[in-house]
């Protein structure tokens, strides 16, 4: 598993594709491109009587370049790392830093792929992929990309509740002045805290709690940890918002029912 650490010390886990999955996806892509190429060549041969030999050679060469290079590059660029084979096997090509690939990466992969896949019958791609941990072929090494598994189990939501010892304080606290941006930071921290390094987690908890405390009154009871303070504020803010929305929905429903009972005159 590949790990990428963001600027906020959050570890993102990316799962590189296995050699078998990459090979299967590549086979599907090659079959699709070859079937398309054969179909184009059959169409050209049907119209070959009206085209001279030099023009036919140019058309055949253009068809090969289009089906085996231009089309794969265009598909990967527009889909940000997908292709028919990768879509079927649940894979996606990304940059080494985990970001989406662009035209430059797709072009390098496409040009190199024509050499290592078609001109060497896949031998070069197979040899290179067997000797690196992420099963990267030569085009990936030159472009700075690799394939990851895009179909992974969804992580369960992290429940956030008001700690029992802070329920009385949270119910009476004034938290209506908290800026939305600060509340979002606190909520994101609570969702990602379990994946952060302990030192980074503690430092960020203190930083966000200090920023949040400037908009909360009265302050939490003495001895409250930053994590508990953040959980209490985020959970209480969510509960109050849900209660407000529920009351508004009930009022709207009641108004609608009264309007339906009013006499209508033509």
C-alpha atoms as a PDB file:
ATOM      1  CA  UNK A   1       0.000   0.000   0.000  1.00  0.00           C
ATOM      2  CA  UNK A   2       1.296   3.444  -0.940  1.00  0.00           C
ATOM      3  CA  UNK A   3       1.089   6.313   1.553  1.00  0.00           C
ATOM      4  CA  UNK A   4       0.978  10.026   0.762  1.00  0.00           C
ATOM      5  CA  UNK A   5       1.217  12.609   3.547  1.00  0.00           C
ATOM      6  CA  UNK A   6      -0.678  15.852   2.924  1.00  0.00           C
ATOM      7  CA  UNK A   7       0.311  19.276   4.224  1.00  0.00           C
ATOM      8  CA  UNK A   8      -1.855  18.746   7.315  1.00  0.00           C
ATOM      9  CA  UNK A   9      -0.102  15.457   8.147  1.00  0.00           C
ATOM     10  CA  UNK A  10      -3.056  13.352   7.001  1.00  0.00           C
ATOM     11  CA  UNK A  11      -1.926  10.024   5.589  1.00  0.00           C
ATOM     12  CA  UNK A  12      -3.713   9.043   2.395  1.00  0.00           C
ATOM     13  CA  UNK A  13      -3.598   5.343   1.663  1.00  0.00           C
ATOM     14  CA  UNK A  14      -3.521   4.486  -2.047  1.00  0.00           C
ATOM     15  CA  UNK A  15      -3.605   0.841  -3.093  1.00  0.00           C
ATOM     16  CA  UNK A  16      -1.406   0.145  -6.123  1.00  0.00           C
ATOM     17  CA  UNK A  17      -2.901  -2.242  -8.643  1.00  0.00           C
ATOM     18  CA  UNK A  18      -1.626  -5.786  -8.610  1.00  0.00           C
ATOM     19  CA  UNK A  19       0.321  -7.201 -11.532  1.00  0.00           C
ATOM     20  CA  UNK A  20      -2.555  -9.510 -12.467  1.00  0.00           C
ATOM     21  CA  UNK A  21      -5.113  -6.691 -12.471  1.00  0.00           C
ATOM     22  CA  UNK A  22      -2.871  -4.496 -14.585  1.00  0.00           C
ATOM     23  CA  UNK A  23      -2.203  -7.328 -17.015  1.00  0.00           C
ATOM     24  CA  UNK A  24      -5.912  -8.059 -17.390  1.00  0.00           C
ATOM     25  CA  UNK A  25      -6.733  -4.417 -17.960  1.00  0.00           C
ATOM     26  CA  UNK A  26      -3.950  -4.115 -20.520  1.00  0.00           C
ATOM     27  CA  UNK A  27      -5.164  -7.206 -22.390  1.00  0.00           C
ATOM     28  CA  UNK A  28      -8.679  -5.781 -22.579  1.00  0.00           C
ATOM     29  CA  UNK A  29      -7.366  -2.460 -23.874  1.00  0.00           C
ATOM     30  CA  UNK A  30      -5.195  -4.163 -26.491  1.00  0.00           C
ATOM     31  CA  UNK A  31      -8.088  -6.321 -27.677  1.00  0.00           C
ATOM     32  CA  UNK A  32     -10.341  -3.292 -28.000  1.00  0.00           C
ATOM     33  CA  UNK A  33      -7.747  -1.297 -29.941  1.00  0.00           C
ATOM     34  CA  UNK A  34      -6.915  -4.197 -32.225  1.00  0.00           C
ATOM     35  CA  UNK A  35     -10.584  -4.923 -32.984  1.00  0.00           C
ATOM     36  CA  UNK A  36     -11.086  -1.252 -33.770  1.00  0.00           C
ATOM     37  CA  UNK A  37      -8.000  -1.221 -35.980  1.00  0.00           C
ATOM     38  CA  UNK A  38      -9.116  -4.325 -37.869  1.00  0.00           C
ATOM     39  CA  UNK A  39     -12.546  -2.782 -38.412  1.00  0.00           C
ATOM     40  CA  UNK A  40     -10.972   0.391 -39.792  1.00  0.00           C
ATOM     41  CA  UNK A  41      -8.629  -1.562 -42.069  1.00  0.00           C
ATOM     42  CA  UNK A  42     -11.522  -3.664 -43.373  1.00  0.00           C
ATOM     43  CA  UNK A  43     -13.379  -0.469 -44.167  1.00  0.00           C
ATOM     44  CA  UNK A  44     -10.345   0.906 -45.983  1.00  0.00           C
ATOM     45  CA  UNK A  45      -9.917  -2.284 -47.976  1.00  0.00           C
ATOM     46  CA  UNK A  46     -13.532  -2.097 -49.072  1.00  0.00           C
ATOM     47  CA  UNK A  47     -12.852   1.363 -50.481  1.00  0.00           C
ATOM     48  CA  UNK A  48      -9.383   0.468 -51.754  1.00  0.00           C
ATOM     49  CA  UNK A  49     -10.411   0.280 -55.379  1.00  0.00           C
ATOM     50  CA  UNK A  50     -10.861   4.048 -55.537  1.00  0.00           C
ATOM     51  CA  UNK A  51      -7.585   4.906 -53.721  1.00  0.00           C
ATOM     52  CA  UNK A  52      -4.080   4.630 -55.152  1.00  0.00           C
ATOM     53  CA  UNK A  53      -1.366   2.613 -53.415  1.00  0.00           C
ATOM     54  CA  UNK A  54       0.503   5.557 -51.857  1.00  0.00           C
ATOM     55  CA  UNK A  55      -2.655   7.033 -50.412  1.00  0.00           C
ATOM     56  CA  UNK A  56      -3.688   3.634 -49.081  1.00  0.00           C
ATOM     57  CA  UNK A  57      -0.360   3.233 -47.265  1.00  0.00           C
ATOM     58  CA  UNK A  58      -0.793   6.669 -45.730  1.00  0.00           C
ATOM     59  CA  UNK A  59      -4.314   5.809 -44.611  1.00  0.00           C
ATOM     60  CA  UNK A  60      -3.202   2.501 -43.119  1.00  0.00           C
ATOM     61  CA  UNK A  61      -0.361   4.186 -41.224  1.00  0.00           C
ATOM     62  CA  UNK A  62      -2.697   6.917 -40.003  1.00  0.00           C
ATOM     63  CA  UNK A  63      -5.186   4.299 -38.840  1.00  0.00           C
ATOM     64  CA  UNK A  64      -2.532   2.453 -36.875  1.00  0.00           C
ATOM     65  CA  UNK A  65      -1.330   5.653 -35.197  1.00  0.00           C
ATOM     66  CA  UNK A  66      -4.881   6.723 -34.428  1.00  0.00           C
ATOM     67  CA  UNK A  67      -6.053   3.404 -32.952  1.00  0.00           C
ATOM     68  CA  UNK A  68      -2.901   2.536 -31.018  1.00  0.00           C
ATOM     69  CA  UNK A  69      -1.593   5.936 -29.916  1.00  0.00           C
ATOM     70  CA  UNK A  70      -3.931   8.899 -30.405  1.00  0.00           C
ATOM     71  CA  UNK A  71      -7.091   7.186 -29.153  1.00  0.00           C
ATOM     72  CA  UNK A  72      -5.528   5.772 -25.929  1.00  0.00           C
ATOM     73  CA  UNK A  73      -3.919   9.147 -25.160  1.00  0.00           C
ATOM     74  CA  UNK A  74      -7.183  11.011 -25.746  1.00  0.00           C
ATOM     75  CA  UNK A  75      -9.216   8.597 -23.615  1.00  0.00           C
ATOM     76  CA  UNK A  76      -6.789   8.696 -20.674  1.00  0.00           C
ATOM     77  CA  UNK A  77      -6.569  12.495 -20.841  1.00  0.00           C
ATOM     78  CA  UNK A  78     -10.313  13.115 -20.960  1.00  0.00           C
ATOM     79  CA  UNK A  79     -11.151  10.477 -18.337  1.00  0.00           C
ATOM     80  CA  UNK A  80      -8.241  11.410 -16.039  1.00  0.00           C
ATOM     81  CA  UNK A  81      -6.544   8.032 -16.096  1.00  0.00           C
ATOM     82  CA  UNK A  82      -9.272   5.619 -17.176  1.00  0.00           C
ATOM     83  CA  UNK A  83      -9.674   3.359 -20.187  1.00  0.00           C
ATOM     84  CA  UNK A  84     -12.004   0.538 -21.151  1.00  0.00           C
ATOM     85  CA  UNK A  85      -9.747  -2.100 -19.604  1.00  0.00           C
ATOM     86  CA  UNK A  86      -9.108  -0.088 -16.442  1.00  0.00           C
ATOM     87  CA  UNK A  87     -12.796   0.643 -16.048  1.00  0.00           C
ATOM     88  CA  UNK A  88     -13.574  -3.082 -16.294  1.00  0.00           C
ATOM     89  CA  UNK A  89     -10.908  -4.015 -13.729  1.00  0.00           C
ATOM     90  CA  UNK A  90     -11.531  -1.117 -11.345  1.00  0.00           C
ATOM     91  CA  UNK A  91      -8.199   0.640 -11.899  1.00  0.00           C
ATOM     92  CA  UNK A  92      -7.114   4.216 -12.524  1.00  0.00           C
ATOM     93  CA  UNK A  93      -3.777   5.741 -13.496  1.00  0.00           C
ATOM     94  CA  UNK A  94      -2.589   8.561 -11.214  1.00  0.00           C
ATOM     95  CA  UNK A  95       0.560  10.618 -10.757  1.00  0.00           C
ATOM     96  CA  UNK A  96       3.181   9.622  -8.221  1.00  0.00           C
ATOM     97  CA  UNK A  97       1.722  12.217  -5.837  1.00  0.00           C
ATOM     98  CA  UNK A  98      -1.757  10.730  -6.171  1.00  0.00           C
ATOM     99  CA  UNK A  99      -3.174  13.461  -8.417  1.00  0.00           C
ATOM    100  CA  UNK A 100      -5.006  13.020 -11.703  1.00  0.00           C
ATOM    101  CA  UNK A 101      -2.867  12.638 -14.821  1.00  0.00           C
ATOM    102  CA  UNK A 102      -2.855  15.244 -17.584  1.00  0.00           C
ATOM    103  CA  UNK A 103      -2.161  15.255 -21.299  1.00  0.00           C
ATOM    104  CA  UNK A 104       1.608  15.181 -20.799  1.00  0.00           C
ATOM    105  CA  UNK A 105       1.457  12.008 -18.733  1.00  0.00           C
ATOM    106  CA  UNK A 106      -0.979  10.315 -21.116  1.00  0.00           C
ATOM    107  CA  UNK A 107       1.150  11.251 -24.133  1.00  0.00           C
ATOM    108  CA  UNK A 108       4.321   9.789 -22.626  1.00  0.00           C
ATOM    109  CA  UNK A 109       2.462   6.623 -21.666  1.00  0.00           C
ATOM    110  CA  UNK A 110       0.902   6.339 -25.113  1.00  0.00           C
ATOM    111  CA  UNK A 111       4.105   6.844 -27.089  1.00  0.00           C
ATOM    112  CA  UNK A 112       6.072   4.507 -24.851  1.00  0.00           C
ATOM    113  CA  UNK A 113       3.228   1.989 -24.856  1.00  0.00           C
ATOM    114  CA  UNK A 114       3.398   1.659 -28.626  1.00  0.00           C
ATOM    115  CA  UNK A 115       7.010   0.501 -28.215  1.00  0.00           C
ATOM    116  CA  UNK A 116       6.719  -1.715 -25.151  1.00  0.00           C
ATOM    117  CA  UNK A 117       3.303  -3.216 -25.851  1.00  0.00           C
ATOM    118  CA  UNK A 118       2.870  -3.483 -29.610  1.00  0.00           C
ATOM    119  CA  UNK A 119       6.387  -3.484 -31.077  1.00  0.00           C
ATOM    120  CA  UNK A 120       7.719  -5.939 -28.474  1.00  0.00           C
ATOM    121  CA  UNK A 121       4.400  -7.844 -28.080  1.00  0.00           C
ATOM    122  CA  UNK A 122       4.215  -6.788 -24.436  1.00  0.00           C
ATOM    123  CA  UNK A 123       7.561  -8.332 -23.530  1.00  0.00           C
ATOM    124  CA  UNK A 124       9.196  -5.077 -22.466  1.00  0.00           C
ATOM    125  CA  UNK A 125       6.191  -3.971 -20.426  1.00  0.00           C
ATOM    126  CA  UNK A 126       6.042  -7.384 -18.737  1.00  0.00           C
ATOM    127  CA  UNK A 127       9.759  -7.404 -17.903  1.00  0.00           C
ATOM    128  CA  UNK A 128       9.692  -3.910 -16.393  1.00  0.00           C
ATOM    129  CA  UNK A 129       6.469  -4.440 -14.428  1.00  0.00           C
ATOM    130  CA  UNK A 130       7.781  -7.602 -12.794  1.00  0.00           C
ATOM    131  CA  UNK A 131      10.730  -5.802 -11.210  1.00  0.00           C
ATOM    132  CA  UNK A 132       9.107  -2.899  -9.341  1.00  0.00           C
ATOM    133  CA  UNK A 133       6.791  -2.835  -6.351  1.00  0.00           C
ATOM    134  CA  UNK A 134       3.901  -1.016  -8.056  1.00  0.00           C
ATOM    135  CA  UNK A 135       3.879  -3.124 -11.251  1.00  0.00           C
ATOM    136  CA  UNK A 136       4.707  -0.052 -13.315  1.00  0.00           C
ATOM    137  CA  UNK A 137       5.604  -0.450 -16.950  1.00  0.00           C
ATOM    138  CA  UNK A 138       8.218   1.643 -18.728  1.00  0.00           C
ATOM    139  CA  UNK A 139       5.689   4.298 -19.725  1.00  0.00           C
ATOM    140  CA  UNK A 140       4.720   4.754 -16.074  1.00  0.00           C
ATOM    141  CA  UNK A 141       8.334   5.168 -15.011  1.00  0.00           C
ATOM    142  CA  UNK A 142       8.963   7.825 -17.659  1.00  0.00           C
ATOM    143  CA  UNK A 143       5.694   9.670 -17.041  1.00  0.00           C
ATOM    144  CA  UNK A 144       5.805   9.452 -13.236  1.00  0.00           C
ATOM    145  CA  UNK A 145       2.537   7.533 -12.930  1.00  0.00           C
ATOM    146  CA  UNK A 146       1.188   4.246 -11.623  1.00  0.00           C
ATOM    147  CA  UNK A 147      -2.144   2.435 -11.446  1.00  0.00           C
ATOM    148  CA  UNK A 148      -4.237   2.253  -8.286  1.00  0.00           C
ATOM    149  CA  UNK A 149      -7.349   0.366  -7.305  1.00  0.00           C
ATOM    150  CA  UNK A 150     -10.272   2.760  -7.608  1.00  0.00           C
ATOM    151  CA  UNK A 151     -12.808   0.279  -6.250  1.00  0.00           C
ATOM    152  CA  UNK A 152     -12.034   0.073  -2.559  1.00  0.00           C
ATOM    153  CA  UNK A 153     -14.370  -0.439   0.391  1.00  0.00           C
ATOM    154  CA  UNK A 154     -15.925   2.777   1.643  1.00  0.00           C
ATOM    155  CA  UNK A 155     -14.613   3.714   5.066  1.00  0.00           C
ATOM    156  CA  UNK A 156     -17.338   3.801   7.714  1.00  0.00           C
ATOM    157  CA  UNK A 157     -18.426   7.213   8.927  1.00  0.00           C
ATOM    158  CA  UNK A 158     -16.860   8.369  12.179  1.00  0.00           C
ATOM    159  CA  UNK A 159     -19.648   9.027  14.736  1.00  0.00           C
ATOM    160  CA  UNK A 160     -19.284  12.280  16.682  1.00  0.00           C
ATOM    161  CA  UNK A 161     -21.161  12.656  19.971  1.00  0.00           C
ATOM    162  CA  UNK A 162     -21.118  15.068  22.875  1.00  0.00           C
ATOM    163  CA  UNK A 163     -19.079  13.464  25.695  1.00  0.00           C
ATOM    164  CA  UNK A 164     -21.372  12.683  28.662  1.00  0.00           C
ATOM    165  CA  UNK A 165     -19.539  15.021  31.052  1.00  0.00           C
ATOM    166  CA  UNK A 166     -19.974  17.926  28.612  1.00  0.00           C
ATOM    167  CA  UNK A 167     -23.642  17.453  27.723  1.00  0.00           C
ATOM    168  CA  UNK A 168     -24.945  19.988  30.246  1.00  0.00           C
ATOM    169  CA  UNK A 169     -22.349  22.562  29.217  1.00  0.00           C
ATOM    170  CA  UNK A 170     -22.913  22.013  25.469  1.00  0.00           C
ATOM    171  CA  UNK A 171     -26.695  22.368  25.820  1.00  0.00           C
ATOM    172  CA  UNK A 172     -26.293  25.832  27.380  1.00  0.00           C
ATOM    173  CA  UNK A 173     -23.250  27.061  25.430  1.00  0.00           C
ATOM    174  CA  UNK A 174     -23.498  29.840  22.861  1.00  0.00           C
ATOM    175  CA  UNK A 175     -22.058  28.368  19.657  1.00  0.00           C
ATOM    176  CA  UNK A 176     -24.060  30.363  17.125  1.00  0.00           C
ATOM    177  CA  UNK A 177     -21.156  32.686  16.301  1.00  0.00           C
ATOM    178  CA  UNK A 178     -18.805  29.963  15.051  1.00  0.00           C
ATOM    179  CA  UNK A 179     -17.718  30.699  11.445  1.00  0.00           C
ATOM    180  CA  UNK A 180     -18.629  27.991   8.956  1.00  0.00           C
ATOM    181  CA  UNK A 181     -14.993  27.605   7.845  1.00  0.00           C
ATOM    182  CA  UNK A 182     -13.827  26.954  11.406  1.00  0.00           C
ATOM    183  CA  UNK A 183     -16.649  24.465  11.989  1.00  0.00           C
ATOM    184  CA  UNK A 184     -15.719  22.615   8.802  1.00  0.00           C
ATOM    185  CA  UNK A 185     -12.079  22.403   9.891  1.00  0.00           C
ATOM    186  CA  UNK A 186     -13.110  20.959  13.240  1.00  0.00           C
ATOM    187  CA  UNK A 187     -15.438  18.438  11.592  1.00  0.00           C
ATOM    188  CA  UNK A 188     -12.781  17.357   9.083  1.00  0.00           C
ATOM    189  CA  UNK A 189     -10.242  16.973  11.863  1.00  0.00           C
ATOM    190  CA  UNK A 190     -12.537  14.656  13.826  1.00  0.00           C
ATOM    191  CA  UNK A 191     -13.108  12.502  10.727  1.00  0.00           C
ATOM    192  CA  UNK A 192      -9.397  12.229   9.943  1.00  0.00           C
ATOM    193  CA  UNK A 193      -7.923  12.186  13.444  1.00  0.00           C
ATOM    194  CA  UNK A 194      -7.629   8.402  13.511  1.00  0.00           C
ATOM    195  CA  UNK A 195      -5.298   8.465  10.486  1.00  0.00           C
ATOM    196  CA  UNK A 196      -3.002  11.228  11.734  1.00  0.00           C
ATOM    197  CA  UNK A 197       0.337  10.868  13.460  1.00  0.00           C
ATOM    198  CA  UNK A 198      -0.070  11.318  17.251  1.00  0.00           C
ATOM    199  CA  UNK A 199       2.084  14.454  17.491  1.00  0.00           C
ATOM    200  CA  UNK A 200       0.429  16.092  14.505  1.00  0.00           C
ATOM    201  CA  UNK A 201      -3.002  15.160  15.822  1.00  0.00           C
ATOM    202  CA  UNK A 202      -2.337  16.697  19.230  1.00  0.00           C
ATOM    203  CA  UNK A 203      -0.912  19.886  17.757  1.00  0.00           C
ATOM    204  CA  UNK A 204      -3.756  20.360  15.311  1.00  0.00           C
ATOM    205  CA  UNK A 205      -6.374  19.625  17.985  1.00  0.00           C
ATOM    206  CA  UNK A 206      -4.951  22.385  20.174  1.00  0.00           C
ATOM    207  CA  UNK A 207      -4.777  24.797  17.244  1.00  0.00           C
ATOM    208  CA  UNK A 208      -8.378  24.245  16.123  1.00  0.00           C
ATOM    209  CA  UNK A 209      -9.697  24.213  19.702  1.00  0.00           C
ATOM    210  CA  UNK A 210      -7.988  27.554  20.388  1.00  0.00           C
ATOM    211  CA  UNK A 211      -9.520  29.058  17.245  1.00  0.00           C
ATOM    212  CA  UNK A 212     -12.934  27.623  18.098  1.00  0.00           C
ATOM    213  CA  UNK A 213     -12.909  28.780  21.726  1.00  0.00           C
ATOM    214  CA  UNK A 214     -12.855  32.422  20.607  1.00  0.00           C
ATOM    215  CA  UNK A 215     -16.417  31.969  19.321  1.00  0.00           C
ATOM    216  CA  UNK A 216     -17.836  29.828  22.154  1.00  0.00           C
ATOM    217  CA  UNK A 217     -19.153  31.058  25.489  1.00  0.00           C
ATOM    218  CA  UNK A 218     -18.889  30.110  28.254  1.00  0.00           C
ATOM    219  CA  UNK A 219     -15.609  28.149  28.002  1.00  0.00           C
ATOM    220  CA  UNK A 220     -15.744  24.407  28.642  1.00  0.00           C
ATOM    221  CA  UNK A 221     -15.222  23.036  32.151  1.00  0.00           C
ATOM    222  CA  UNK A 222     -11.613  22.997  33.385  1.00  0.00           C
ATOM    223  CA  UNK A 223      -9.682  19.897  32.388  1.00  0.00           C
ATOM    224  CA  UNK A 224     -11.560  19.379  29.112  1.00  0.00           C
ATOM    225  CA  UNK A 225      -9.264  17.950  26.465  1.00  0.00           C
ATOM    226  CA  UNK A 226      -9.125  19.606  23.023  1.00  0.00           C
ATOM    227  CA  UNK A 227     -10.527  16.458  21.377  1.00  0.00           C
ATOM    228  CA  UNK A 228     -13.545  16.355  23.721  1.00  0.00           C
ATOM    229  CA  UNK A 229     -14.114  20.092  23.288  1.00  0.00           C
ATOM    230  CA  UNK A 230     -14.126  19.793  19.502  1.00  0.00           C
ATOM    231  CA  UNK A 231     -16.403  16.751  19.573  1.00  0.00           C
ATOM    232  CA  UNK A 232     -18.862  18.487  21.896  1.00  0.00           C
ATOM    233  CA  UNK A 233     -19.046  21.660  19.810  1.00  0.00           C
ATOM    234  CA  UNK A 234     -19.313  19.879  16.446  1.00  0.00           C
ATOM    235  CA  UNK A 235     -21.946  17.406  17.690  1.00  0.00           C
ATOM    236  CA  UNK A 236     -24.022  20.075  19.449  1.00  0.00           C
ATOM    237  CA  UNK A 237     -23.871  22.368  16.400  1.00  0.00           C
ATOM    238  CA  UNK A 238     -25.030  19.490  14.196  1.00  0.00           C
ATOM    239  CA  UNK A 239     -27.862  18.601  16.589  1.00  0.00           C
ATOM    240  CA  UNK A 240     -29.087  22.193  16.753  1.00  0.00           C
ATOM    241  CA  UNK A 241     -28.981  22.512  12.968  1.00  0.00           C
ATOM    242  CA  UNK A 242     -30.972  19.306  12.571  1.00  0.00           C
ATOM    243  CA  UNK A 243     -33.506  20.512  15.123  1.00  0.00           C
ATOM    244  CA  UNK A 244     -33.848  23.863  13.339  1.00  0.00           C
ATOM    245  CA  UNK A 245     -34.378  22.185   9.981  1.00  0.00           C
ATOM    246  CA  UNK A 246     -36.946  19.799  11.451  1.00  0.00           C
ATOM    247  CA  UNK A 247     -38.903  22.684  12.978  1.00  0.00           C
ATOM    248  CA  UNK A 248     -38.783  24.601   9.695  1.00  0.00           C
ATOM    249  CA  UNK A 249     -40.034  21.557   7.809  1.00  0.00           C
ATOM    250  CA  UNK A 250     -42.925  21.129  10.242  1.00  0.00           C
ATOM    251  CA  UNK A 251     -43.855  24.815   9.878  1.00  0.00           C
ATOM    252  CA  UNK A 252     -43.752  24.567   6.086  1.00  0.00           C
ATOM    253  CA  UNK A 253     -45.918  21.450   6.199  1.00  0.00           C
ATOM    254  CA  UNK A 254     -48.443  23.157   8.485  1.00  0.00           C
ATOM    255  CA  UNK A 255     -48.598  26.227   6.235  1.00  0.00           C
ATOM    256  CA  UNK A 256     -49.098  24.018   3.197  1.00  0.00           C
ATOM    257  CA  UNK A 257     -51.949  22.163   4.876  1.00  0.00           C
ATOM    258  CA  UNK A 258     -53.672  25.464   5.814  1.00  0.00           C
ATOM    259  CA  UNK A 259     -53.314  26.739   2.272  1.00  0.00           C
ATOM    260  CA  UNK A 260     -54.909  23.573   0.931  1.00  0.00           C
ATOM    261  CA  UNK A 261     -57.923  24.113   3.240  1.00  0.00           C
ATOM    262  CA  UNK A 262     -58.522  27.731   2.190  1.00  0.00           C
ATOM    263  CA  UNK A 263     -61.593  28.302   0.007  1.00  0.00           C
ATOM    264  CA  UNK A 264     -60.721  28.888  -3.599  1.00  0.00           C
ATOM    265  CA  UNK A 265     -62.876  31.198  -5.631  1.00  0.00           C
ATOM    266  CA  UNK A 266     -62.909  31.446  -9.392  1.00  0.00           C
END
